[in-house]
Amino acid sequence: MKAIENQSIELKVKTLLDFCDVVDITIQDFFYLGEKYNKEDKNFLELFANLSAENKAVIIDLMKKLK
């Protein structure tokens, strides 16, 4: 990983796509969540996306209070 971060090797797109297949995530998940990716977060985001604006505000308020 350090070699990639230090730009001493190039990562091919096919290799990245293969990696995502192996770990069972979409390429969108890889770039959106990066190293913090986990399926619980993805599930939460999907559920949250389906809420009404009013319910989203309630959840955000609750999360701020629990912080």
PDB file of N, CA and C in Angstrom:
ATOM      1  N   MET A   1       0.824  -1.190   0.000  1.00  0.00           N
ATOM      2  CA  MET A   1       0.000   0.000   0.000  1.00  0.00           C
ATOM      3  C   MET A   1       0.869   1.256   0.000  1.00  0.00           C
ATOM      4  N   LYS A   2       1.970   1.222   0.744  1.00  0.00           N
ATOM      5  CA  LYS A   2       2.848   2.392   0.788  1.00  0.00           C
ATOM      6  C   LYS A   2       3.416   2.693  -0.591  1.00  0.00           C
ATOM      7  N   ALA A   3       3.691   1.647  -1.372  1.00  0.00           N
ATOM      8  CA  ALA A   3       4.232   1.860  -2.709  1.00  0.00           C
ATOM      9  C   ALA A   3       3.223   2.609  -3.578  1.00  0.00           C
ATOM     10  N   ILE A   4       1.953   2.299  -3.415  1.00  0.00           N
ATOM     11  CA  ILE A   4       0.915   3.005  -4.172  1.00  0.00           C
ATOM     12  C   ILE A   4       0.823   4.444  -3.682  1.00  0.00           C
ATOM     13  N   GLU A   5       0.800   4.625  -2.363  1.00  0.00           N
ATOM     14  CA  GLU A   5       0.703   5.966  -1.790  1.00  0.00           C
ATOM     15  C   GLU A   5       1.898   6.825  -2.175  1.00  0.00           C
ATOM     16  N   ASN A   6       3.079   6.221  -2.253  1.00  0.00           N
ATOM     17  CA  ASN A   6       4.301   6.958  -2.616  1.00  0.00           C
ATOM     18  C   ASN A   6       4.452   7.121  -4.124  1.00  0.00           C
ATOM     19  N   GLN A   7       3.479   6.610  -4.860  1.00  0.00           N
ATOM     20  CA  GLN A   7       3.450   6.689  -6.325  1.00  0.00           C
ATOM     21  C   GLN A   7       4.641   5.996  -6.965  1.00  0.00           C
ATOM     22  N   SER A   8       5.166   4.951  -6.310  1.00  0.00           N
ATOM     23  CA  SER A   8       6.271   4.222  -6.902  1.00  0.00           C
ATOM     24  C   SER A   8       5.781   3.073  -7.783  1.00  0.00           C
ATOM     25  N   ILE A   9       4.481   2.764  -7.715  1.00  0.00           N
ATOM     26  CA  ILE A   9       3.873   1.827  -8.667  1.00  0.00           C
ATOM     27  C   ILE A   9       2.556   2.421  -9.122  1.00  0.00           C
ATOM     28  N   GLU A  10       2.116   1.959 -10.271  1.00  0.00           N
ATOM     29  CA  GLU A  10       0.843   2.444 -10.805  1.00  0.00           C
ATOM     30  C   GLU A  10      -0.208   1.356 -10.647  1.00  0.00           C
ATOM     31  N   LEU A  11      -1.367   1.752 -10.210  1.00  0.00           N
ATOM     32  CA  LEU A  11      -2.474   0.829 -10.034  1.00  0.00           C
ATOM     33  C   LEU A  11      -3.362   0.909 -11.274  1.00  0.00           C
ATOM     34  N   LYS A  12      -3.534  -0.212 -11.936  1.00  0.00           N
ATOM     35  CA  LYS A  12      -4.387  -0.243 -13.118  1.00  0.00           C
ATOM     36  C   LYS A  12      -5.850  -0.295 -12.688  1.00  0.00           C
ATOM     37  N   VAL A  13      -6.702   0.282 -13.500  1.00  0.00           N
ATOM     38  CA  VAL A  13      -8.131   0.305 -13.193  1.00  0.00           C
ATOM     39  C   VAL A  13      -8.660  -1.120 -13.068  1.00  0.00           C
ATOM     40  N   LYS A  14      -8.236  -2.008 -13.940  1.00  0.00           N
ATOM     41  CA  LYS A  14      -8.708  -3.397 -13.865  1.00  0.00           C
ATOM     42  C   LYS A  14      -8.343  -4.018 -12.524  1.00  0.00           C
ATOM     43  N   THR A  15      -7.165  -3.731 -12.016  1.00  0.00           N
ATOM     44  CA  THR A  15      -6.750  -4.266 -10.719  1.00  0.00           C
ATOM     45  C   THR A  15      -7.655  -3.741  -9.611  1.00  0.00           C
ATOM     46  N   LEU A  16      -7.977  -2.460  -9.673  1.00  0.00           N
ATOM     47  CA  LEU A  16      -8.881  -1.872  -8.682  1.00  0.00           C
ATOM     48  C   LEU A  16     -10.265  -2.507  -8.767  1.00  0.00           C
ATOM     49  N   LEU A  17     -10.772  -2.688  -9.975  1.00  0.00           N
ATOM     50  CA  LEU A  17     -12.081  -3.319 -10.149  1.00  0.00           C
ATOM     51  C   LEU A  17     -12.070  -4.757  -9.637  1.00  0.00           C
ATOM     52  N   ASP A  18     -10.993  -5.485  -9.911  1.00  0.00           N
ATOM     53  CA  ASP A  18     -10.867  -6.854  -9.407  1.00  0.00           C
ATOM     54  C   ASP A  18     -10.853  -6.869  -7.883  1.00  0.00           C
ATOM     55  N   PHE A  19     -10.118  -5.934  -7.295  1.00  0.00           N
ATOM     56  CA  PHE A  19     -10.071  -5.828  -5.836  1.00  0.00           C
ATOM     57  C   PHE A  19     -11.470  -5.604  -5.271  1.00  0.00           C
ATOM     58  N   CYS A  20     -12.212  -4.684  -5.867  1.00  0.00           N
ATOM     59  CA  CYS A  20     -13.572  -4.395  -5.384  1.00  0.00           C
ATOM     60  C   CYS A  20     -14.453  -5.633  -5.478  1.00  0.00           C
ATOM     61  N   ASP A  21     -14.285  -6.420  -6.547  1.00  0.00           N
ATOM     62  CA  ASP A  21     -15.047  -7.667  -6.670  1.00  0.00           C
ATOM     63  C   ASP A  21     -14.692  -8.636  -5.551  1.00  0.00           C
ATOM     64  N   VAL A  22     -13.416  -8.750  -5.258  1.00  0.00           N
ATOM     65  CA  VAL A  22     -12.957  -9.687  -4.230  1.00  0.00           C
ATOM     66  C   VAL A  22     -13.517  -9.314  -2.855  1.00  0.00           C
ATOM     67  N   VAL A  23     -13.524  -8.027  -2.527  1.00  0.00           N
ATOM     68  CA  VAL A  23     -14.008  -7.609  -1.208  1.00  0.00           C
ATOM     69  C   VAL A  23     -15.497  -7.256  -1.209  1.00  0.00           C
ATOM     70  N   ASP A  24     -16.133  -7.479  -2.356  1.00  0.00           N
ATOM     71  CA  ASP A  24     -17.584  -7.320  -2.496  1.00  0.00           C
ATOM     72  C   ASP A  24     -18.075  -5.904  -2.193  1.00  0.00           C
ATOM     73  N   ILE A  25     -17.436  -4.928  -2.835  1.00  0.00           N
ATOM     74  CA  ILE A  25     -17.919  -3.549  -2.768  1.00  0.00           C
ATOM     75  C   ILE A  25     -17.952  -2.973  -4.176  1.00  0.00           C
ATOM     76  N   THR A  26     -18.744  -1.949  -4.355  1.00  0.00           N
ATOM     77  CA  THR A  26     -18.788  -1.294  -5.658  1.00  0.00           C
ATOM     78  C   THR A  26     -17.656  -0.270  -5.739  1.00  0.00           C
ATOM     79  N   ILE A  27     -17.329   0.107  -6.937  1.00  0.00           N
ATOM     80  CA  ILE A  27     -16.286   1.121  -7.126  1.00  0.00           C
ATOM     81  C   ILE A  27     -16.718   2.446  -6.497  1.00  0.00           C
ATOM     82  N   GLN A  28     -18.021   2.732  -6.521  1.00  0.00           N
ATOM     83  CA  GLN A  28     -18.538   3.944  -5.891  1.00  0.00           C
ATOM     84  C   GLN A  28     -18.291   3.921  -4.386  1.00  0.00           C
ATOM     85  N   ASP A  29     -18.515   2.760  -3.770  1.00  0.00           N
ATOM     86  CA  ASP A  29     -18.262   2.629  -2.337  1.00  0.00           C
ATOM     87  C   ASP A  29     -16.787   2.842  -2.034  1.00  0.00           C
ATOM     88  N   PHE A  30     -15.923   2.298  -2.868  1.00  0.00           N
ATOM     89  CA  PHE A  30     -14.484   2.432  -2.653  1.00  0.00           C
ATOM     90  C   PHE A  30     -14.071   3.892  -2.604  1.00  0.00           C
ATOM     91  N   PHE A  31     -14.542   4.679  -3.556  1.00  0.00           N
ATOM     92  CA  PHE A  31     -14.134   6.080  -3.596  1.00  0.00           C
ATOM     93  C   PHE A  31     -14.902   6.952  -2.612  1.00  0.00           C
ATOM     94  N   TYR A  32     -16.137   6.585  -2.316  1.00  0.00           N
ATOM     95  CA  TYR A  32     -16.918   7.408  -1.398  1.00  0.00           C
ATOM     96  C   TYR A  32     -16.466   7.240   0.048  1.00  0.00           C
ATOM     97  N   LEU A  33     -16.299   6.002   0.461  1.00  0.00           N
ATOM     98  CA  LEU A  33     -15.987   5.739   1.857  1.00  0.00           C
ATOM     99  C   LEU A  33     -14.511   5.462   2.119  1.00  0.00           C
ATOM    100  N   GLY A  34     -13.759   5.140   1.088  1.00  0.00           N
ATOM    101  CA  GLY A  34     -12.333   4.907   1.233  1.00  0.00           C
ATOM    102  C   GLY A  34     -12.000   3.901   2.312  1.00  0.00           C
ATOM    103  N   GLU A  35     -11.012   4.202   3.122  1.00  0.00           N
ATOM    104  CA  GLU A  35     -10.543   3.258   4.131  1.00  0.00           C
ATOM    105  C   GLU A  35     -11.526   3.080   5.274  1.00  0.00           C
ATOM    106  N   LYS A  36     -12.504   3.959   5.368  1.00  0.00           N
ATOM    107  CA  LYS A  36     -13.488   3.859   6.449  1.00  0.00           C
ATOM    108  C   LYS A  36     -14.692   3.012   6.047  1.00  0.00           C
ATOM    109  N   TYR A  37     -14.631   2.391   4.856  1.00  0.00           N
ATOM    110  CA  TYR A  37     -15.761   1.604   4.360  1.00  0.00           C
ATOM    111  C   TYR A  37     -16.075   0.422   5.273  1.00  0.00           C
ATOM    112  N   ASN A  38     -17.336   0.247   5.514  1.00  0.00           N
ATOM    113  CA  ASN A  38     -17.823  -1.016   6.067  1.00  0.00           C
ATOM    114  C   ASN A  38     -19.289  -1.151   5.700  1.00  0.00           C
ATOM    115  N   LYS A  39     -19.774  -2.365   5.736  1.00  0.00           N
ATOM    116  CA  LYS A  39     -21.145  -2.620   5.270  1.00  0.00           C
ATOM    117  C   LYS A  39     -22.199  -1.988   6.170  1.00  0.00           C
ATOM    118  N   GLU A  40     -21.908  -1.832   7.448  1.00  0.00           N
ATOM    119  CA  GLU A  40     -22.871  -1.180   8.342  1.00  0.00           C
ATOM    120  C   GLU A  40     -23.066   0.276   7.947  1.00  0.00           C
ATOM    121  N   ASP A  41     -21.965   0.964   7.618  1.00  0.00           N
ATOM    122  CA  ASP A  41     -22.073   2.354   7.171  1.00  0.00           C
ATOM    123  C   ASP A  41     -22.867   2.446   5.882  1.00  0.00           C
ATOM    124  N   LYS A  42     -22.584   1.537   4.952  1.00  0.00           N
ATOM    125  CA  LYS A  42     -23.300   1.552   3.677  1.00  0.00           C
ATOM    126  C   LYS A  42     -24.789   1.316   3.913  1.00  0.00           C
ATOM    127  N   ASN A  43     -25.110   0.368   4.758  1.00  0.00           N
ATOM    128  CA  ASN A  43     -26.508   0.086   5.069  1.00  0.00           C
ATOM    129  C   ASN A  43     -27.177   1.312   5.674  1.00  0.00           C
ATOM    130  N   PHE A  44     -26.487   1.973   6.606  1.00  0.00           N
ATOM    131  CA  PHE A  44     -27.032   3.188   7.223  1.00  0.00           C
ATOM    132  C   PHE A  44     -27.295   4.259   6.163  1.00  0.00           C
ATOM    133  N   LEU A  45     -26.329   4.467   5.269  1.00  0.00           N
ATOM    134  CA  LEU A  45     -26.483   5.491   4.237  1.00  0.00           C
ATOM    135  C   LEU A  45     -27.652   5.187   3.311  1.00  0.00           C
ATOM    136  N   GLU A  46     -27.831   3.911   2.985  1.00  0.00           N
ATOM    137  CA  GLU A  46     -28.957   3.534   2.120  1.00  0.00           C
ATOM    138  C   GLU A  46     -30.292   3.772   2.826  1.00  0.00           C
ATOM    139  N   LEU A  47     -30.363   3.401   4.098  1.00  0.00           N
ATOM    140  CA  LEU A  47     -31.589   3.630   4.853  1.00  0.00           C
ATOM    141  C   LEU A  47     -31.868   5.123   5.005  1.00  0.00           C
ATOM    142  N   PHE A  48     -30.830   5.881   5.335  1.00  0.00           N
ATOM    143  CA  PHE A  48     -30.955   7.323   5.511  1.00  0.00           C
ATOM    144  C   PHE A  48     -31.426   7.997   4.225  1.00  0.00           C
ATOM    145  N   ALA A  49     -30.892   7.553   3.087  1.00  0.00           N
ATOM    146  CA  ALA A  49     -31.253   8.150   1.796  1.00  0.00           C
ATOM    147  C   ALA A  49     -32.738   7.999   1.481  1.00  0.00           C
ATOM    148  N   ASN A  50     -33.359   6.983   2.038  1.00  0.00           N
ATOM    149  CA  ASN A  50     -34.780   6.734   1.758  1.00  0.00           C
ATOM    150  C   ASN A  50     -35.731   7.465   2.697  1.00  0.00           C
ATOM    151  N   LEU A  51     -35.195   8.180   3.674  1.00  0.00           N
ATOM    152  CA  LEU A  51     -36.048   8.915   4.610  1.00  0.00           C
ATOM    153  C   LEU A  51     -36.548  10.228   4.006  1.00  0.00           C
ATOM    154  N   SER A  52     -37.643  10.713   4.547  1.00  0.00           N
ATOM    155  CA  SER A  52     -38.129  12.036   4.152  1.00  0.00           C
ATOM    156  C   SER A  52     -37.181  13.090   4.720  1.00  0.00           C
ATOM    157  N   ALA A  53     -37.243  14.293   4.199  1.00  0.00           N
ATOM    158  CA  ALA A  53     -36.394  15.383   4.691  1.00  0.00           C
ATOM    159  C   ALA A  53     -36.633  15.619   6.175  1.00  0.00           C
ATOM    160  N   GLU A  54     -37.873  15.534   6.598  1.00  0.00           N
ATOM    161  CA  GLU A  54     -38.211  15.738   8.011  1.00  0.00           C
ATOM    162  C   GLU A  54     -37.584  14.646   8.887  1.00  0.00           C
ATOM    163  N   ASN A  55     -37.680  13.404   8.447  1.00  0.00           N
ATOM    164  CA  ASN A  55     -37.102  12.309   9.221  1.00  0.00           C
ATOM    165  C   ASN A  55     -35.573  12.363   9.226  1.00  0.00           C
ATOM    166  N   LYS A  56     -34.981  12.817   8.129  1.00  0.00           N
ATOM    167  CA  LYS A  56     -33.526  12.990   8.094  1.00  0.00           C
ATOM    168  C   LYS A  56     -33.096  14.014   9.140  1.00  0.00           C
ATOM    169  N   ALA A  57     -33.854  15.095   9.261  1.00  0.00           N
ATOM    170  CA  ALA A  57     -33.535  16.132  10.244  1.00  0.00           C
ATOM    171  C   ALA A  57     -33.623  15.572  11.658  1.00  0.00           C
ATOM    172  N   VAL A  58     -34.607  14.711  11.913  1.00  0.00           N
ATOM    173  CA  VAL A  58     -34.755  14.090  13.230  1.00  0.00           C
ATOM    174  C   VAL A  58     -33.546  13.207  13.535  1.00  0.00           C
ATOM    175  N   ILE A  59     -33.127  12.418  12.576  1.00  0.00           N
ATOM    176  CA  ILE A  59     -31.973  11.527  12.771  1.00  0.00           C
ATOM    177  C   ILE A  59     -30.700  12.333  12.992  1.00  0.00           C
ATOM    178  N   ILE A  60     -30.503  13.370  12.214  1.00  0.00           N
ATOM    179  CA  ILE A  60     -29.309  14.217  12.370  1.00  0.00           C
ATOM    180  C   ILE A  60     -29.300  14.857  13.750  1.00  0.00           C
ATOM    181  N   ASP A  61     -30.430  15.360  14.186  1.00  0.00           N
ATOM    182  CA  ASP A  61     -30.532  15.955  15.513  1.00  0.00           C
ATOM    183  C   ASP A  61     -30.204  14.946  16.597  1.00  0.00           C
ATOM    184  N   LEU A  62     -30.740  13.750  16.477  1.00  0.00           N
ATOM    185  CA  LEU A  62     -30.471  12.691  17.436  1.00  0.00           C
ATOM    186  C   LEU A  62     -28.980  12.332  17.460  1.00  0.00           C
ATOM    187  N   MET A  63     -28.373  12.229  16.299  1.00  0.00           N
ATOM    188  CA  MET A  63     -26.949  11.895  16.228  1.00  0.00           C
ATOM    189  C   MET A  63     -26.087  12.976  16.884  1.00  0.00           C
ATOM    190  N   LYS A  64     -26.465  14.218  16.699  1.00  0.00           N
ATOM    191  CA  LYS A  64     -25.711  15.323  17.330  1.00  0.00           C
ATOM    192  C   LYS A  64     -25.821  15.235  18.853  1.00  0.00           C
ATOM    193  N   LYS A  65     -26.979  14.856  19.349  1.00  0.00           N
ATOM    194  CA  LYS A  65     -27.192  14.755  20.793  1.00  0.00           C
ATOM    195  C   LYS A  65     -26.433  13.559  21.382  1.00  0.00           C
ATOM    196  N   LEU A  66     -26.241  12.521  20.604  1.00  0.00           N
ATOM    197  CA  LEU A  66     -25.546  11.328  21.085  1.00  0.00           C
ATOM    198  C   LEU A  66     -24.036  11.455  21.026  1.00  0.00           C
ATOM    199  N   LYS A  67     -23.542  12.436  20.343  1.00  0.00           N
ATOM    200  CA  LYS A  67     -22.121  12.632  20.117  1.00  0.00           C
ATOM    201  C   LYS A  67     -21.314  12.777  21.358  1.00  0.00           C
TER     202      LYS A  67
END
